[in-house]
Amino acid sequence: MFRIAGLALLIAFAPTLARSEIIGMQVERAVSEEEMKASLRSVELVDEKGAPLDLSALMASGKPTLVSLWAHWCPNCLAEVQGYKALAKACPQRWNVVFVSARASDYPKDLAKFKSYSLPWKFYRVGDAARTDRAKAEVARAFYGETSEGGVVTPMHYFIDSRGVVEAIVAGKMDFSQPDRLAAFCGR
């Protein structure tokens, strides 16, 4: 059921639908869509105290999961905040929601800005091992959806169904505050 409703929801959010499941802003990437999806099983994420998040276990929890790459300097990320506030008010427990700094080096500023919005979710970054371990660095590149120019598109959202399957990747701004979209996301 999530697959049909979820994909309809995603298509409603996205201005263009790519040939693949990456919806929204299309850029040339240095990594494949399959590498991006696979990265979710092994990317190391940590919170502000360095405590790890077992994203793989969270994805297997039986609830759908939304992972969003977010940045304090990204106008589209900031524009999404009202939608996230609406989502937090309407159905904060329906989904696992994970926010991740789009660049680990920006984490302190991203975290401070994110906290200023008083959203109920935690904010993570890719762990430090990605700086020194080549395999973990490759996983991080895939997770970020690195572009061919070495950048990252923000915001970027991974939609994972309740079975832990990546349904879609949305590159670009989403607005959960519109009533029909909020209802679809909340399962009403």
N, C-alpha and C. Protein backbone atom coordinates (compact mmCIF):
# COMPACT_ATOMS: atom_id res chain seq x y z
N MET A 1 0.82 -1.19 0.00
CA MET A 1 0.00 0.00 0.00
C MET A 1 0.86 1.26 0.00
N PHE A 2 1.94 1.25 0.83
CA PHE A 2 2.80 2.43 0.87
C PHE A 2 3.38 2.72 -0.51
N ARG A 3 3.74 1.67 -1.23
CA ARG A 3 4.39 1.88 -2.53
C ARG A 3 3.50 2.73 -3.45
N ILE A 4 2.24 2.40 -3.54
CA ILE A 4 1.34 3.14 -4.43
C ILE A 4 1.08 4.54 -3.88
N ALA A 5 0.69 4.64 -2.62
CA ALA A 5 0.41 5.95 -2.03
C ALA A 5 1.68 6.78 -1.96
N GLY A 6 2.78 6.14 -1.59
CA GLY A 6 4.05 6.85 -1.47
C GLY A 6 4.53 7.40 -2.78
N LEU A 7 4.48 6.60 -3.82
CA LEU A 7 4.94 7.08 -5.12
C LEU A 7 4.01 8.16 -5.67
N ALA A 8 2.71 8.02 -5.42
CA ALA A 8 1.79 9.08 -5.84
C ALA A 8 2.12 10.38 -5.10
N LEU A 9 2.44 10.25 -3.83
CA LEU A 9 2.83 11.40 -3.03
C LEU A 9 4.09 12.04 -3.59
N LEU A 10 5.07 11.22 -3.91
CA LEU A 10 6.33 11.74 -4.42
C LEU A 10 6.15 12.43 -5.77
N ILE A 11 5.37 11.83 -6.63
CA ILE A 11 5.13 12.43 -7.94
C ILE A 11 4.43 13.78 -7.78
N ALA A 12 3.54 13.87 -6.81
CA ALA A 12 2.87 15.14 -6.56
C ALA A 12 3.86 16.21 -6.09
N PHE A 13 4.91 15.79 -5.39
CA PHE A 13 5.91 16.73 -4.90
C PHE A 13 6.87 17.18 -5.99
N ALA A 14 7.17 16.31 -6.91
CA ALA A 14 8.27 16.55 -7.84
C ALA A 14 7.79 17.18 -9.14
N PRO A 15 8.52 18.19 -9.61
CA PRO A 15 8.12 18.83 -10.86
C PRO A 15 8.43 17.97 -12.08
N THR A 16 9.44 17.12 -12.00
CA THR A 16 9.78 16.26 -13.13
C THR A 16 10.09 14.87 -12.61
N LEU A 17 9.80 13.88 -13.42
CA LEU A 17 10.07 12.50 -13.06
C LEU A 17 11.15 11.98 -13.99
N ALA A 18 12.24 11.54 -13.41
CA ALA A 18 13.36 11.03 -14.21
C ALA A 18 13.08 9.60 -14.64
N ARG A 19 13.92 9.11 -15.54
CA ARG A 19 13.79 7.71 -15.97
C ARG A 19 14.02 6.77 -14.81
N SER A 20 14.82 7.18 -13.86
CA SER A 20 15.09 6.36 -12.70
C SER A 20 14.14 6.75 -11.58
N GLU A 21 14.44 6.29 -10.37
CA GLU A 21 13.62 6.66 -9.23
C GLU A 21 14.11 7.94 -8.56
N ILE A 22 15.14 8.58 -9.10
CA ILE A 22 15.55 9.88 -8.57
C ILE A 22 14.62 10.91 -9.18
N ILE A 23 13.85 11.55 -8.32
CA ILE A 23 12.82 12.49 -8.74
C ILE A 23 13.28 13.90 -8.43
N GLY A 24 12.97 14.83 -9.30
CA GLY A 24 13.30 16.23 -9.04
C GLY A 24 14.48 16.70 -9.85
N MET A 25 15.32 17.50 -9.23
CA MET A 25 16.47 18.10 -9.90
C MET A 25 17.41 17.02 -10.44
N GLN A 26 17.66 17.07 -11.72
CA GLN A 26 18.53 16.07 -12.36
C GLN A 26 19.91 16.66 -12.58
N VAL A 27 20.91 15.98 -12.07
CA VAL A 27 22.31 16.40 -12.23
C VAL A 27 23.13 15.17 -12.59
N GLU A 28 24.27 15.40 -13.19
CA GLU A 28 25.18 14.30 -13.47
C GLU A 28 25.86 13.92 -12.17
N ARG A 29 25.79 12.66 -11.83
CA ARG A 29 26.34 12.20 -10.55
C ARG A 29 27.59 11.35 -10.76
N ALA A 30 28.45 11.36 -9.75
CA ALA A 30 29.66 10.54 -9.75
C ALA A 30 29.36 9.14 -9.22
N VAL A 31 28.14 8.96 -8.72
CA VAL A 31 27.71 7.67 -8.17
C VAL A 31 26.38 7.29 -8.81
N SER A 32 26.09 6.01 -8.78
CA SER A 32 24.84 5.53 -9.38
C SER A 32 23.70 5.57 -8.36
N GLU A 33 22.50 5.50 -8.87
CA GLU A 33 21.33 5.42 -8.00
C GLU A 33 21.41 4.18 -7.11
N GLU A 34 21.85 3.07 -7.66
CA GLU A 34 21.97 1.84 -6.87
C GLU A 34 22.99 1.99 -5.75
N GLU A 35 24.10 2.68 -6.03
CA GLU A 35 25.09 2.94 -4.98
C GLU A 35 24.50 3.84 -3.90
N MET A 36 23.71 4.81 -4.31
CA MET A 36 23.07 5.70 -3.34
C MET A 36 22.14 4.90 -2.43
N LYS A 37 21.32 4.06 -3.01
CA LYS A 37 20.40 3.24 -2.21
C LYS A 37 21.15 2.30 -1.28
N ALA A 38 22.17 1.63 -1.81
CA ALA A 38 22.93 0.67 -1.01
C ALA A 38 23.65 1.35 0.15
N SER A 39 24.02 2.61 -0.02
CA SER A 39 24.77 3.32 1.02
C SER A 39 23.99 3.43 2.33
N LEU A 40 22.67 3.42 2.24
CA LEU A 40 21.85 3.56 3.44
C LEU A 40 22.06 2.40 4.41
N ARG A 41 22.47 1.26 3.92
CA ARG A 41 22.69 0.08 4.78
C ARG A 41 24.01 0.16 5.55
N SER A 42 24.95 0.99 5.08
CA SER A 42 26.26 0.97 5.74
C SER A 42 26.86 2.34 6.07
N VAL A 43 26.18 3.42 5.73
CA VAL A 43 26.72 4.73 6.07
C VAL A 43 26.72 4.88 7.59
N GLU A 44 27.80 5.44 8.10
CA GLU A 44 27.91 5.65 9.54
C GLU A 44 27.47 7.07 9.87
N LEU A 45 26.39 7.18 10.63
CA LEU A 45 25.87 8.47 11.05
C LEU A 45 26.03 8.61 12.56
N VAL A 46 26.37 9.82 13.01
CA VAL A 46 26.51 10.08 14.43
C VAL A 46 25.79 11.37 14.79
N ASP A 47 25.36 11.45 16.05
CA ASP A 47 24.69 12.66 16.51
C ASP A 47 25.71 13.64 17.08
N GLU A 48 25.24 14.69 17.71
CA GLU A 48 26.14 15.75 18.19
C GLU A 48 27.09 15.29 19.28
N LYS A 49 26.76 14.19 19.97
CA LYS A 49 27.63 13.66 21.02
C LYS A 49 28.52 12.54 20.50
N GLY A 50 28.39 12.23 19.21
CA GLY A 50 29.18 11.16 18.62
C GLY A 50 28.54 9.79 18.72
N ALA A 51 27.32 9.74 19.27
CA ALA A 51 26.61 8.46 19.39
C ALA A 51 26.13 8.02 18.01
N PRO A 52 26.37 6.76 17.66
CA PRO A 52 25.99 6.29 16.33
C PRO A 52 24.49 6.05 16.20
N LEU A 53 24.00 6.21 14.98
CA LEU A 53 22.63 5.83 14.63
C LEU A 53 22.72 4.58 13.78
N ASP A 54 22.01 3.54 14.16
CA ASP A 54 21.96 2.33 13.35
C ASP A 54 20.83 2.50 12.34
N LEU A 55 21.15 3.15 11.24
CA LEU A 55 20.14 3.45 10.22
C LEU A 55 19.55 2.18 9.64
N SER A 56 20.37 1.17 9.47
CA SER A 56 19.88 -0.10 8.93
C SER A 56 18.81 -0.70 9.83
N ALA A 57 19.03 -0.67 11.14
CA ALA A 57 18.03 -1.18 12.09
C ALA A 57 16.78 -0.32 12.08
N LEU A 58 16.95 0.98 11.99
CA LEU A 58 15.81 1.89 11.93
C LEU A 58 14.95 1.60 10.70
N MET A 59 15.63 1.34 9.58
CA MET A 59 14.92 1.03 8.34
C MET A 59 14.17 -0.30 8.43
N ALA A 60 14.60 -1.18 9.32
CA ALA A 60 13.97 -2.49 9.47
C ALA A 60 12.94 -2.50 10.60
N SER A 61 12.61 -1.34 11.13
CA SER A 61 11.73 -1.24 12.30
C SER A 61 10.26 -1.48 12.01
N GLY A 62 9.89 -1.55 10.74
CA GLY A 62 8.49 -1.73 10.39
C GLY A 62 7.75 -0.43 10.12
N LYS A 63 8.43 0.70 10.31
CA LYS A 63 7.85 2.01 9.99
C LYS A 63 8.57 2.56 8.77
N PRO A 64 7.87 3.33 7.94
CA PRO A 64 8.59 3.98 6.84
C PRO A 64 9.58 4.99 7.40
N THR A 65 10.62 5.25 6.62
CA THR A 65 11.70 6.13 7.06
C THR A 65 11.95 7.20 6.00
N LEU A 66 12.14 8.41 6.46
CA LEU A 66 12.53 9.53 5.61
C LEU A 66 13.90 10.01 6.08
N VAL A 67 14.87 9.98 5.18
CA VAL A 67 16.21 10.51 5.47
C VAL A 67 16.40 11.74 4.59
N SER A 68 16.67 12.87 5.22
CA SER A 68 16.82 14.13 4.49
C SER A 68 18.19 14.74 4.70
N LEU A 69 18.88 15.02 3.58
CA LEU A 69 20.13 15.78 3.64
C LEU A 69 19.75 17.25 3.68
N TRP A 70 20.31 17.98 4.63
CA TRP A 70 19.87 19.33 4.93
C TRP A 70 21.08 20.22 5.19
N ALA A 71 20.98 21.51 4.88
CA ALA A 71 22.08 22.44 5.11
C ALA A 71 21.56 23.82 5.51
N HIS A 72 22.27 24.47 6.41
CA HIS A 72 21.87 25.80 6.89
C HIS A 72 21.96 26.86 5.80
N TRP A 73 22.77 26.64 4.79
CA TRP A 73 23.00 27.61 3.72
C TRP A 73 22.08 27.38 2.51
N CYS A 74 21.25 26.37 2.58
CA CYS A 74 20.41 25.95 1.45
C CYS A 74 19.03 26.61 1.54
N PRO A 75 18.68 27.53 0.62
CA PRO A 75 17.38 28.19 0.68
C PRO A 75 16.20 27.22 0.60
N ASN A 76 16.33 26.17 -0.21
CA ASN A 76 15.23 25.21 -0.31
C ASN A 76 15.07 24.39 0.96
N CYS A 77 16.18 24.10 1.64
CA CYS A 77 16.10 23.40 2.93
C CYS A 77 15.34 24.25 3.94
N LEU A 78 15.70 25.52 4.00
CA LEU A 78 15.05 26.43 4.94
C LEU A 78 13.58 26.60 4.60
N ALA A 79 13.26 26.60 3.32
CA ALA A 79 11.86 26.75 2.88
C ALA A 79 11.01 25.54 3.27
N GLU A 80 11.64 24.40 3.51
CA GLU A 80 10.90 23.19 3.88
C GLU A 80 10.48 23.17 5.35
N VAL A 81 11.05 24.03 6.16
CA VAL A 81 10.84 23.96 7.61
C VAL A 81 9.37 24.04 7.99
N GLN A 82 8.59 24.93 7.39
CA GLN A 82 7.17 25.02 7.74
C GLN A 82 6.45 23.70 7.47
N GLY A 83 6.82 23.04 6.39
CA GLY A 83 6.23 21.74 6.10
C GLY A 83 6.60 20.69 7.14
N TYR A 84 7.85 20.72 7.59
CA TYR A 84 8.26 19.78 8.64
C TYR A 84 7.56 20.07 9.95
N LYS A 85 7.33 21.35 10.24
CA LYS A 85 6.57 21.70 11.45
C LYS A 85 5.15 21.16 11.36
N ALA A 86 4.54 21.28 10.18
CA ALA A 86 3.19 20.74 9.98
C ALA A 86 3.19 19.22 10.14
N LEU A 87 4.20 18.58 9.60
CA LEU A 87 4.34 17.13 9.72
C LEU A 87 4.52 16.72 11.18
N ALA A 88 5.35 17.44 11.91
CA ALA A 88 5.60 17.14 13.32
C ALA A 88 4.32 17.27 14.15
N LYS A 89 3.49 18.21 13.77
CA LYS A 89 2.23 18.42 14.50
C LYS A 89 1.19 17.36 14.12
N ALA A 90 1.12 17.00 12.86
CA ALA A 90 0.07 16.10 12.36
C ALA A 90 0.35 14.62 12.64
N CYS A 91 1.57 14.17 12.47
CA CYS A 91 1.84 12.73 12.63
C CYS A 91 3.33 12.47 12.90
N PRO A 92 3.85 12.95 14.03
CA PRO A 92 5.29 12.84 14.27
C PRO A 92 5.79 11.41 14.45
N GLN A 93 4.92 10.49 14.80
CA GLN A 93 5.35 9.11 15.07
C GLN A 93 5.09 8.15 13.92
N ARG A 94 4.46 8.60 12.85
CA ARG A 94 4.14 7.69 11.74
C ARG A 94 5.38 7.25 10.99
N TRP A 95 6.36 8.11 10.88
CA TRP A 95 7.59 7.83 10.13
C TRP A 95 8.79 7.96 11.05
N ASN A 96 9.84 7.22 10.74
CA ASN A 96 11.16 7.52 11.28
C ASN A 96 11.69 8.66 10.42
N VAL A 97 12.07 9.76 11.03
CA VAL A 97 12.59 10.90 10.28
C VAL A 97 14.01 11.17 10.75
N VAL A 98 14.93 11.20 9.79
CA VAL A 98 16.35 11.39 10.09
C VAL A 98 16.87 12.54 9.25
N PHE A 99 17.42 13.54 9.90
CA PHE A 99 18.06 14.66 9.19
C PHE A 99 19.56 14.50 9.29
N VAL A 100 20.25 14.76 8.16
CA VAL A 100 21.70 14.60 8.10
C VAL A 100 22.30 15.85 7.46
N SER A 101 23.37 16.33 8.04
CA SER A 101 24.09 17.47 7.48
C SER A 101 24.60 17.10 6.09
N ALA A 102 24.36 17.97 5.13
CA ALA A 102 24.77 17.71 3.74
C ALA A 102 26.28 17.75 3.57
N ARG A 103 26.97 18.37 4.50
CA ARG A 103 28.45 18.36 4.52
C ARG A 103 28.87 18.24 5.97
N ALA A 104 29.63 17.22 6.29
CA ALA A 104 30.06 17.01 7.67
C ALA A 104 30.77 18.24 8.23
N SER A 105 31.51 18.95 7.40
CA SER A 105 32.23 20.15 7.86
C SER A 105 31.28 21.27 8.28
N ASP A 106 30.06 21.26 7.80
CA ASP A 106 29.06 22.27 8.15
C ASP A 106 28.21 21.86 9.35
N TYR A 107 28.48 20.69 9.91
CA TYR A 107 27.60 20.15 10.95
C TYR A 107 27.32 21.13 12.09
N PRO A 108 28.31 21.79 12.68
CA PRO A 108 27.97 22.69 13.80
C PRO A 108 26.96 23.78 13.42
N LYS A 109 27.14 24.40 12.28
CA LYS A 109 26.21 25.44 11.84
C LYS A 109 24.85 24.85 11.46
N ASP A 110 24.88 23.69 10.79
CA ASP A 110 23.62 23.03 10.42
C ASP A 110 22.84 22.64 11.67
N LEU A 111 23.53 22.07 12.65
CA LEU A 111 22.89 21.64 13.89
C LEU A 111 22.27 22.83 14.62
N ALA A 112 23.01 23.91 14.74
CA ALA A 112 22.50 25.10 15.44
C ALA A 112 21.25 25.64 14.74
N LYS A 113 21.29 25.74 13.43
CA LYS A 113 20.13 26.24 12.68
C LYS A 113 18.95 25.29 12.83
N PHE A 114 19.21 23.98 12.70
CA PHE A 114 18.15 22.98 12.82
C PHE A 114 17.50 23.06 14.20
N LYS A 115 18.31 23.15 15.24
CA LYS A 115 17.77 23.21 16.61
C LYS A 115 16.91 24.45 16.82
N SER A 116 17.22 25.53 16.12
CA SER A 116 16.45 26.77 16.30
C SER A 116 14.99 26.60 15.87
N TYR A 117 14.69 25.58 15.10
CA TYR A 117 13.33 25.34 14.63
C TYR A 117 12.51 24.46 15.58
N SER A 118 13.13 23.89 16.59
CA SER A 118 12.44 23.06 17.60
C SER A 118 11.66 21.90 16.99
N LEU A 119 12.22 21.28 15.97
CA LEU A 119 11.59 20.09 15.40
C LEU A 119 11.88 18.90 16.31
N PRO A 120 11.01 17.89 16.33
CA PRO A 120 11.16 16.79 17.29
C PRO A 120 12.20 15.72 16.91
N TRP A 121 12.89 15.92 15.82
CA TRP A 121 13.81 14.89 15.35
C TRP A 121 15.26 15.27 15.61
N LYS A 122 16.12 14.26 15.61
CA LYS A 122 17.55 14.50 15.83
C LYS A 122 18.23 14.83 14.50
N PHE A 123 19.43 15.39 14.63
CA PHE A 123 20.21 15.81 13.47
C PHE A 123 21.56 15.10 13.52
N TYR A 124 21.96 14.51 12.41
CA TYR A 124 23.16 13.68 12.36
C TYR A 124 24.15 14.20 11.32
N ARG A 125 25.32 13.59 11.33
CA ARG A 125 26.34 13.83 10.31
C ARG A 125 26.99 12.49 10.00
N VAL A 126 27.69 12.44 8.87
CA VAL A 126 28.46 11.25 8.54
C VAL A 126 29.63 11.19 9.51
N GLY A 127 29.93 9.98 10.00
CA GLY A 127 30.99 9.80 10.99
C GLY A 127 32.38 10.13 10.47
N ASP A 128 33.29 10.35 11.40
CA ASP A 128 34.66 10.76 11.09
C ASP A 128 35.45 9.71 10.32
N ALA A 129 35.09 8.44 10.45
CA ALA A 129 35.84 7.38 9.76
C ALA A 129 35.82 7.58 8.25
N ALA A 130 34.83 8.29 7.73
CA ALA A 130 34.76 8.54 6.28
C ALA A 130 35.92 9.41 5.80
N ARG A 131 36.60 10.08 6.72
CA ARG A 131 37.75 10.91 6.34
C ARG A 131 39.02 10.08 6.14
N THR A 132 39.11 8.95 6.83
CA THR A 132 40.36 8.18 6.81
C THR A 132 40.24 6.79 6.21
N ASP A 133 39.05 6.25 6.16
CA ASP A 133 38.83 4.90 5.65
C ASP A 133 38.25 5.00 4.24
N ARG A 134 38.98 4.50 3.26
CA ARG A 134 38.58 4.65 1.85
C ARG A 134 37.21 4.04 1.57
N ALA A 135 36.94 2.86 2.09
CA ALA A 135 35.65 2.21 1.85
C ALA A 135 34.51 3.03 2.45
N LYS A 136 34.72 3.56 3.65
CA LYS A 136 33.68 4.37 4.29
C LYS A 136 33.51 5.71 3.57
N ALA A 137 34.60 6.22 3.01
CA ALA A 137 34.51 7.45 2.22
C ALA A 137 33.68 7.22 0.96
N GLU A 138 33.84 6.06 0.33
CA GLU A 138 33.04 5.74 -0.87
C GLU A 138 31.56 5.61 -0.52
N VAL A 139 31.27 5.00 0.63
CA VAL A 139 29.88 4.89 1.08
C VAL A 139 29.31 6.29 1.32
N ALA A 140 30.09 7.16 1.95
CA ALA A 140 29.63 8.53 2.20
C ALA A 140 29.38 9.28 0.89
N ARG A 141 30.26 9.12 -0.09
CA ARG A 141 30.06 9.75 -1.40
C ARG A 141 28.72 9.31 -2.01
N ALA A 142 28.46 8.02 -1.92
CA ALA A 142 27.21 7.49 -2.47
C ALA A 142 26.01 8.03 -1.69
N PHE A 143 26.11 8.04 -0.36
CA PHE A 143 25.02 8.54 0.48
C PHE A 143 24.70 9.99 0.14
N TYR A 144 25.72 10.80 -0.04
CA TYR A 144 25.52 12.21 -0.40
C TYR A 144 25.03 12.37 -1.84
N GLY A 145 25.11 11.30 -2.64
CA GLY A 145 24.72 11.42 -4.05
C GLY A 145 25.64 12.37 -4.78
N GLU A 146 26.93 12.25 -4.51
CA GLU A 146 27.92 13.19 -5.03
C GLU A 146 27.75 13.43 -6.53
N THR A 147 27.79 14.70 -6.90
CA THR A 147 27.67 15.06 -8.31
C THR A 147 29.02 14.84 -9.00
N SER A 148 29.01 14.88 -10.32
CA SER A 148 30.25 14.70 -11.07
C SER A 148 31.25 15.82 -10.79
N GLU A 149 30.76 16.93 -10.27
CA GLU A 149 31.64 18.05 -9.92
C GLU A 149 32.07 18.01 -8.45
N GLY A 150 31.68 16.95 -7.73
CA GLY A 150 32.09 16.80 -6.34
C GLY A 150 31.18 17.47 -5.33
N GLY A 151 30.02 17.93 -5.76
CA GLY A 151 29.09 18.61 -4.86
C GLY A 151 27.96 17.70 -4.42
N VAL A 152 27.00 18.30 -3.77
CA VAL A 152 25.81 17.59 -3.32
C VAL A 152 24.59 18.47 -3.60
N VAL A 153 23.49 17.84 -4.00
CA VAL A 153 22.23 18.55 -4.23
C VAL A 153 21.46 18.57 -2.92
N THR A 154 21.07 19.76 -2.49
CA THR A 154 20.27 19.86 -1.28
C THR A 154 18.99 20.62 -1.57
N PRO A 155 17.94 20.29 -0.88
CA PRO A 155 17.81 19.12 -0.03
C PRO A 155 17.68 17.86 -0.88
N MET A 156 17.97 16.74 -0.25
CA MET A 156 17.77 15.45 -0.91
C MET A 156 17.12 14.52 0.11
N HIS A 157 16.13 13.78 -0.36
CA HIS A 157 15.33 12.94 0.54
C HIS A 157 15.31 11.50 0.04
N TYR A 158 15.56 10.59 0.97
CA TYR A 158 15.41 9.16 0.69
C TYR A 158 14.10 8.71 1.34
N PHE A 159 13.21 8.13 0.55
CA PHE A 159 11.96 7.57 1.07
C PHE A 159 12.10 6.06 1.11
N ILE A 160 11.97 5.50 2.31
CA ILE A 160 12.17 4.07 2.53
C ILE A 160 10.87 3.51 3.09
N ASP A 161 10.36 2.45 2.50
CA ASP A 161 9.09 1.91 2.96
C ASP A 161 9.26 1.12 4.26
N SER A 162 8.16 0.60 4.79
CA SER A 162 8.18 -0.09 6.08
C SER A 162 8.94 -1.41 6.04
N ARG A 163 9.27 -1.89 4.84
CA ARG A 163 10.07 -3.12 4.70
C ARG A 163 11.56 -2.81 4.57
N GLY A 164 11.90 -1.52 4.55
CA GLY A 164 13.30 -1.13 4.42
C GLY A 164 13.76 -0.96 2.99
N VAL A 165 12.83 -0.91 2.05
CA VAL A 165 13.16 -0.77 0.63
C VAL A 165 13.12 0.71 0.25
N VAL A 166 14.18 1.19 -0.41
CA VAL A 166 14.20 2.58 -0.87
C VAL A 166 13.21 2.70 -2.02
N GLU A 167 12.14 3.42 -1.79
CA GLU A 167 11.10 3.62 -2.80
C GLU A 167 11.51 4.68 -3.81
N ALA A 168 12.12 5.75 -3.32
CA ALA A 168 12.49 6.85 -4.22
C ALA A 168 13.48 7.77 -3.53
N ILE A 169 14.16 8.50 -4.36
CA ILE A 169 15.06 9.56 -3.91
C ILE A 169 14.55 10.84 -4.56
N VAL A 170 14.31 11.86 -3.75
CA VAL A 170 13.84 13.14 -4.26
C VAL A 170 14.93 14.18 -4.05
N ALA A 171 15.37 14.77 -5.15
CA ALA A 171 16.38 15.83 -5.10
C ALA A 171 15.67 17.16 -5.32
N GLY A 172 15.55 17.94 -4.27
CA GLY A 172 14.89 19.23 -4.37
C GLY A 172 13.89 19.45 -3.26
N LYS A 173 13.34 20.64 -3.24
CA LYS A 173 12.43 21.08 -2.18
C LYS A 173 11.11 20.32 -2.20
N MET A 174 10.65 19.99 -0.99
CA MET A 174 9.34 19.36 -0.81
C MET A 174 8.55 20.22 0.16
N ASP A 175 7.24 20.22 0.01
CA ASP A 175 6.39 21.01 0.90
C ASP A 175 5.33 20.11 1.51
N PHE A 176 5.55 19.75 2.77
CA PHE A 176 4.59 18.90 3.47
C PHE A 176 3.43 19.69 4.05
N SER A 177 3.48 21.01 3.99
CA SER A 177 2.44 21.81 4.64
C SER A 177 1.15 21.89 3.85
N GLN A 178 1.18 21.56 2.56
CA GLN A 178 -0.06 21.58 1.78
C GLN A 178 -0.96 20.46 2.27
N PRO A 179 -2.24 20.74 2.54
CA PRO A 179 -3.12 19.76 3.17
C PRO A 179 -3.17 18.39 2.50
N ASP A 180 -3.24 18.33 1.17
CA ASP A 180 -3.33 17.03 0.51
C ASP A 180 -2.02 16.25 0.66
N ARG A 181 -0.91 16.93 0.60
CA ARG A 181 0.38 16.25 0.75
C ARG A 181 0.59 15.79 2.20
N LEU A 182 0.21 16.63 3.13
CA LEU A 182 0.32 16.28 4.54
C LEU A 182 -0.55 15.06 4.85
N ALA A 183 -1.76 15.06 4.33
CA ALA A 183 -2.67 13.92 4.54
C ALA A 183 -2.09 12.64 3.94
N ALA A 184 -1.52 12.74 2.75
CA ALA A 184 -0.92 11.56 2.12
C ALA A 184 0.26 11.05 2.93
N PHE A 185 1.09 11.94 3.42
CA PHE A 185 2.26 11.54 4.20
C PHE A 185 1.84 10.92 5.53
N CYS A 186 0.76 11.44 6.10
CA CYS A 186 0.28 10.94 7.39
C CYS A 186 -0.63 9.73 7.25
N GLY A 187 -0.90 9.31 6.02
CA GLY A 187 -1.70 8.11 5.81
C GLY A 187 -3.19 8.30 6.02
N ARG A 188 -3.67 9.49 5.72
CA ARG A 188 -5.11 9.75 5.91
C ARG A 188 -5.84 9.72 4.60
